[in-house]
C-alpha atoms as a PDB file:
ATOM      1  CA  UNK A   1      -5.027 -10.869 -11.621  1.00  0.00           C
ATOM      2  CA  UNK A   2      -7.239  -9.587  -9.450  1.00  0.00           C
ATOM      3  CA  UNK A   3      -8.790  -5.730  -9.715  1.00  0.00           C
ATOM      4  CA  UNK A   4      -7.209  -2.724  -7.328  1.00  0.00           C
ATOM      5  CA  UNK A   5     -10.230  -1.334  -5.340  1.00  0.00           C
ATOM      6  CA  UNK A   6      -8.496   1.923  -4.648  1.00  0.00           C
ATOM      7  CA  UNK A   7      -5.035   3.575  -5.624  1.00  0.00           C
ATOM      8  CA  UNK A   8      -3.590   5.542  -3.598  1.00  0.00           C
ATOM      9  CA  UNK A   9      -0.758   8.445  -4.734  1.00  0.00           C
ATOM     10  CA  UNK A  10       1.772   9.014  -2.329  1.00  0.00           C
ATOM     11  CA  UNK A  11       4.202   9.839  -4.333  1.00  0.00           C
ATOM     12  CA  UNK A  12       6.509  13.157  -2.963  1.00  0.00           C
ATOM     13  CA  UNK A  13       4.806  11.892   0.835  1.00  0.00           C
ATOM     14  CA  UNK A  14       7.616  10.944   3.009  1.00  0.00           C
ATOM     15  CA  UNK A  15       6.925   8.924   6.808  1.00  0.00           C
ATOM     16  CA  UNK A  16       4.725   8.716   7.961  1.00  0.00           C
ATOM     17  CA  UNK A  17       2.187   9.907   5.268  1.00  0.00           C
ATOM     18  CA  UNK A  18       2.553   7.100   3.066  1.00  0.00           C
ATOM     19  CA  UNK A  19       1.386   4.557   5.913  1.00  0.00           C
ATOM     20  CA  UNK A  20      -1.199   6.937   6.721  1.00  0.00           C
ATOM     21  CA  UNK A  21      -2.728   7.160   3.663  1.00  0.00           C
ATOM     22  CA  UNK A  22      -2.293   3.525   3.506  1.00  0.00           C
ATOM     23  CA  UNK A  23      -4.584   2.672   6.880  1.00  0.00           C
ATOM     24  CA  UNK A  24      -7.375   4.865   5.521  1.00  0.00           C
ATOM     25  CA  UNK A  25      -7.363   3.467   2.283  1.00  0.00           C
ATOM     26  CA  UNK A  26      -7.608   0.172   3.793  1.00  0.00           C
ATOM     27  CA  UNK A  27     -10.105   1.292   6.093  1.00  0.00           C
ATOM     28  CA  UNK A  28     -12.404   2.627   3.270  1.00  0.00           C
ATOM     29  CA  UNK A  29     -12.532  -1.183   1.031  1.00  0.00           C
ATOM     30  CA  UNK A  30     -13.922  -4.525   1.755  1.00  0.00           C
ATOM     31  CA  UNK A  31     -12.517  -7.266   2.938  1.00  0.00           C
ATOM     32  CA  UNK A  32     -10.930  -8.948  -0.157  1.00  0.00           C
ATOM     33  CA  UNK A  33     -10.273  -5.629  -2.080  1.00  0.00           C
ATOM     34  CA  UNK A  34      -6.879  -4.685  -3.433  1.00  0.00           C
ATOM     35  CA  UNK A  35      -4.953  -1.125  -2.345  1.00  0.00           C
ATOM     36  CA  UNK A  36      -2.639   0.105  -4.579  1.00  0.00           C
ATOM     37  CA  UNK A  37      -0.186   2.523  -3.107  1.00  0.00           C
ATOM     38  CA  UNK A  38       2.821   4.317  -5.033  1.00  0.00           C
ATOM     39  CA  UNK A  39       4.912   5.631  -3.059  1.00  0.00           C
ATOM     40  CA  UNK A  40       8.812   7.421  -3.572  1.00  0.00           C
ATOM     41  CA  UNK A  41       9.584   7.296  -0.144  1.00  0.00           C
ATOM     42  CA  UNK A  42      12.257   4.270   0.144  1.00  0.00           C
ATOM     43  CA  UNK A  43      11.049   3.730   4.118  1.00  0.00           C
ATOM     44  CA  UNK A  44       7.283   2.703   2.493  1.00  0.00           C
ATOM     45  CA  UNK A  45       8.243  -0.329   0.887  1.00  0.00           C
ATOM     46  CA  UNK A  46       9.773  -2.027   3.715  1.00  0.00           C
ATOM     47  CA  UNK A  47       6.982  -0.131   6.665  1.00  0.00           C
ATOM     48  CA  UNK A  48       3.348  -0.847   4.832  1.00  0.00           C
ATOM     49  CA  UNK A  49       3.813  -4.830   4.204  1.00  0.00           C
ATOM     50  CA  UNK A  50       5.122  -5.029   8.196  1.00  0.00           C
ATOM     51  CA  UNK A  51       2.281  -2.607   8.496  1.00  0.00           C
ATOM     52  CA  UNK A  52       0.215  -5.092   6.578  1.00  0.00           C
ATOM     53  CA  UNK A  53       0.651  -8.553   7.148  1.00  0.00           C
ATOM     54  CA  UNK A  54       0.281  -7.528  11.351  1.00  0.00           C
ATOM     55  CA  UNK A  55      -2.611  -6.108  10.865  1.00  0.00           C
ATOM     56  CA  UNK A  56      -3.973  -9.181   8.931  1.00  0.00           C
ATOM     57  CA  UNK A  57      -3.465  -7.851   5.129  1.00  0.00           C
ATOM     58  CA  UNK A  58      -1.910  -9.559   2.199  1.00  0.00           C
ATOM     59  CA  UNK A  59       0.880  -8.219   0.674  1.00  0.00           C
ATOM     60  CA  UNK A  60       0.211  -8.833  -3.273  1.00  0.00           C
ATOM     61  CA  UNK A  61       2.817  -7.145  -4.183  1.00  0.00           C
ATOM     62  CA  UNK A  62       6.331  -4.627  -4.137  1.00  0.00           C
ATOM     63  CA  UNK A  63       7.400  -3.721  -7.055  1.00  0.00           C
ATOM     64  CA  UNK A  64       9.595  -0.621  -8.112  1.00  0.00           C
ATOM     65  CA  UNK A  65       9.043   1.135 -11.714  1.00  0.00           C
ATOM     66  CA  UNK A  66      11.663   4.067 -12.083  1.00  0.00           C
ATOM     67  CA  UNK A  67      11.956   4.894  -8.518  1.00  0.00           C
ATOM     68  CA  UNK A  68       8.088   4.472  -7.733  1.00  0.00           C
ATOM     69  CA  UNK A  69       7.160   1.754  -5.266  1.00  0.00           C
ATOM     70  CA  UNK A  70       4.072   0.287  -6.885  1.00  0.00           C
ATOM     71  CA  UNK A  71       2.647  -2.121  -3.154  1.00  0.00           C
ATOM     72  CA  UNK A  72      -0.971  -4.023  -3.839  1.00  0.00           C
ATOM     73  CA  UNK A  73      -2.399  -5.249  -0.355  1.00  0.00           C
ATOM     74  CA  UNK A  74      -4.919  -7.975   0.377  1.00  0.00           C
ATOM     75  CA  UNK A  75      -7.359  -6.032   2.741  1.00  0.00           C
ATOM     76  CA  UNK A  76      -7.503  -9.014   5.444  1.00  0.00           C
END
């Protein structure tokens, strides 16, 4: 398992904040690094992976744990 370089806590935030915070985090890491996003807004589980793939990043996983979506993105 690859290690997470940066974790972004978006719990309690609603669209579009989780996506904005994800973009900021991706900009702050190197290509190949993994960013983990924690969000409880249901739109995040769809919006973040769609944005990531459109922008050349890879979705490592999308999981739901106790109402929190854990999304891991590898920067392209």
